[in-house]
Amino acid sequence: QPAASSTIGDLIYLDQNGNGLHDAGEPGIPGVTVALLNNAGNVIATTTTDQNGNYFFPGLPAGTYTVWVNDTANVLGQLNQTGDPDATLDDRHTLPVDGSSSYLNNDFGYAPA
């Protein structure tokens, strides 16, 4: 039986109308690097969005984590952030997880300048 764990994730999307929401038909953005920080602010995992703009950090024990869209490849270079899970447009979102549930609503939107 696998140990209980949480998954954080979901989507980096192109916010074509700039409304800060992921609307039907707005595509995900592939190739964006995303880091996961622990409660001490240390990077404990990194991943890259897939062809659909999705990212996932599985296998997490209970704790507080920060998702950081660090975009090391500068895929988002010509875009402005419009959507953030906590409404602060800083490419970061901190959330507690219980070690058993999935947290797949951590979506970040970026619009053409």
Protein backbone atom coordinates (compact mmCIF):
# COMPACT_ATOMS: atom_id res chain seq x y z
CA GLN A 1 0.00 0.00 0.00
CA PRO A 2 1.55 3.34 -1.03
CA ALA A 3 2.18 5.95 1.60
CA ALA A 4 -0.37 8.74 1.77
CA SER A 5 0.79 11.76 -0.17
CA SER A 6 -0.43 14.97 -1.73
CA THR A 7 -0.03 16.30 -5.25
CA ILE A 8 0.28 20.01 -6.07
CA GLY A 9 -0.18 21.21 -9.59
CA ASP A 10 -1.99 21.92 -12.52
CA LEU A 11 -1.68 24.59 -15.17
CA ILE A 12 0.30 27.47 -16.67
CA TYR A 13 -1.95 29.04 -19.33
CA LEU A 14 -2.01 31.75 -21.96
CA ASP A 15 -4.60 34.26 -20.76
CA GLN A 16 -5.57 35.52 -24.21
CA ASN A 17 -8.17 38.03 -23.00
CA GLY A 18 -6.16 39.13 -19.95
CA ASN A 19 -8.98 38.60 -17.44
CA GLY A 20 -6.89 36.61 -14.95
CA LEU A 21 -9.04 33.51 -15.39
CA HIS A 22 -8.51 30.32 -17.37
CA ASP A 23 -11.33 30.50 -19.89
CA ALA A 24 -12.45 27.72 -22.24
CA GLY A 25 -10.17 27.49 -25.24
CA GLU A 26 -7.20 29.27 -23.66
CA PRO A 27 -4.19 27.00 -24.21
CA GLY A 28 -1.63 25.84 -21.70
CA ILE A 29 1.96 26.98 -22.14
CA PRO A 30 4.50 24.17 -22.57
CA GLY A 31 8.13 24.30 -21.48
CA VAL A 32 7.73 26.56 -18.44
CA THR A 33 9.88 25.56 -15.47
CA VAL A 34 8.21 25.45 -12.08
CA ALA A 35 9.96 24.96 -8.72
CA LEU A 36 8.57 23.73 -5.42
CA LEU A 37 9.88 25.24 -2.21
CA ASN A 38 9.56 23.80 1.26
CA ASN A 39 8.55 25.77 4.35
CA ALA A 40 12.17 26.93 4.79
CA GLY A 41 12.18 28.43 1.28
CA ASN A 42 14.49 25.80 -0.21
CA VAL A 43 13.83 24.35 -3.67
CA ILE A 44 12.97 20.67 -3.18
CA ALA A 45 11.74 19.83 -6.69
CA THR A 46 11.55 21.29 -10.17
CA THR A 47 9.51 20.34 -13.20
CA THR A 48 8.57 21.67 -16.62
CA THR A 49 5.05 22.07 -18.01
CA ASP A 50 4.07 19.44 -20.56
CA GLN A 51 2.62 20.05 -24.02
CA ASN A 52 -0.71 20.99 -22.42
CA GLY A 53 0.82 23.40 -19.92
CA ASN A 54 0.29 21.05 -16.99
CA TYR A 55 2.72 20.52 -14.11
CA PHE A 56 2.57 18.23 -11.09
CA PHE A 57 4.53 17.72 -7.87
CA PRO A 58 3.37 14.32 -6.54
CA GLY A 59 4.35 12.38 -3.45
CA LEU A 60 4.31 15.23 -0.94
CA PRO A 61 3.98 14.70 2.81
CA ALA A 62 1.86 17.07 4.87
CA GLY A 63 3.38 20.52 5.14
CA THR A 64 3.45 24.01 3.67
CA TYR A 65 4.87 24.48 0.18
CA THR A 66 5.38 27.30 -2.28
CA VAL A 67 4.89 26.86 -6.02
CA TRP A 68 7.27 29.19 -7.86
CA VAL A 69 6.97 29.74 -11.63
CA ASN A 70 10.69 30.48 -12.04
CA ASP A 71 10.65 30.07 -15.85
CA THR A 72 14.40 29.52 -16.19
CA ALA A 73 14.08 29.15 -19.99
CA ASN A 74 12.31 32.56 -20.27
CA VAL A 75 9.33 31.03 -22.08
CA LEU A 76 7.12 33.73 -20.51
CA GLY A 77 9.51 36.56 -21.39
CA GLN A 78 7.11 38.56 -23.57
CA LEU A 79 4.06 37.91 -21.38
CA ASN A 80 2.63 39.65 -18.32
CA GLN A 81 1.24 37.67 -15.40
CA THR A 82 -2.53 38.07 -15.04
CA GLY A 83 -3.57 35.06 -12.95
CA ASP A 84 -2.20 33.75 -9.65
CA PRO A 85 -3.91 31.39 -7.17
CA ASP A 86 -3.58 33.91 -4.33
CA ALA A 87 -4.33 37.00 -6.49
CA THR A 88 -0.85 38.46 -5.83
CA LEU A 89 0.91 38.53 -9.21
CA ASP A 90 4.34 37.39 -8.00
CA ASP A 91 4.73 34.02 -9.82
CA ARG A 92 4.39 32.30 -6.43
CA HIS A 93 1.70 30.65 -4.35
CA THR A 94 2.10 29.20 -0.86
CA LEU A 95 -0.31 26.57 0.43
CA PRO A 96 -0.59 23.95 3.16
CA VAL A 97 -1.23 20.33 2.16
CA ASP A 98 -2.57 17.53 4.33
CA GLY A 99 -0.44 14.73 2.92
CA SER A 100 -3.34 12.84 1.32
CA SER A 101 -5.35 15.22 -0.89
CA SER A 102 -4.59 16.63 -4.34
CA TYR A 103 -4.29 20.40 -4.83
CA LEU A 104 -4.73 20.87 -8.57
CA ASN A 105 -6.09 24.42 -8.70
CA ASN A 106 -2.70 26.16 -8.60
CA ASP A 107 -3.05 27.77 -12.02
CA PHE A 108 -1.01 30.72 -13.25
CA GLY A 109 -2.05 32.88 -16.21
CA TYR A 110 0.09 35.01 -18.52
CA ALA A 111 -1.19 37.39 -21.17
CA PRO A 112 0.44 38.95 -24.23
CA ALA A 113 1.85 42.38 -23.41
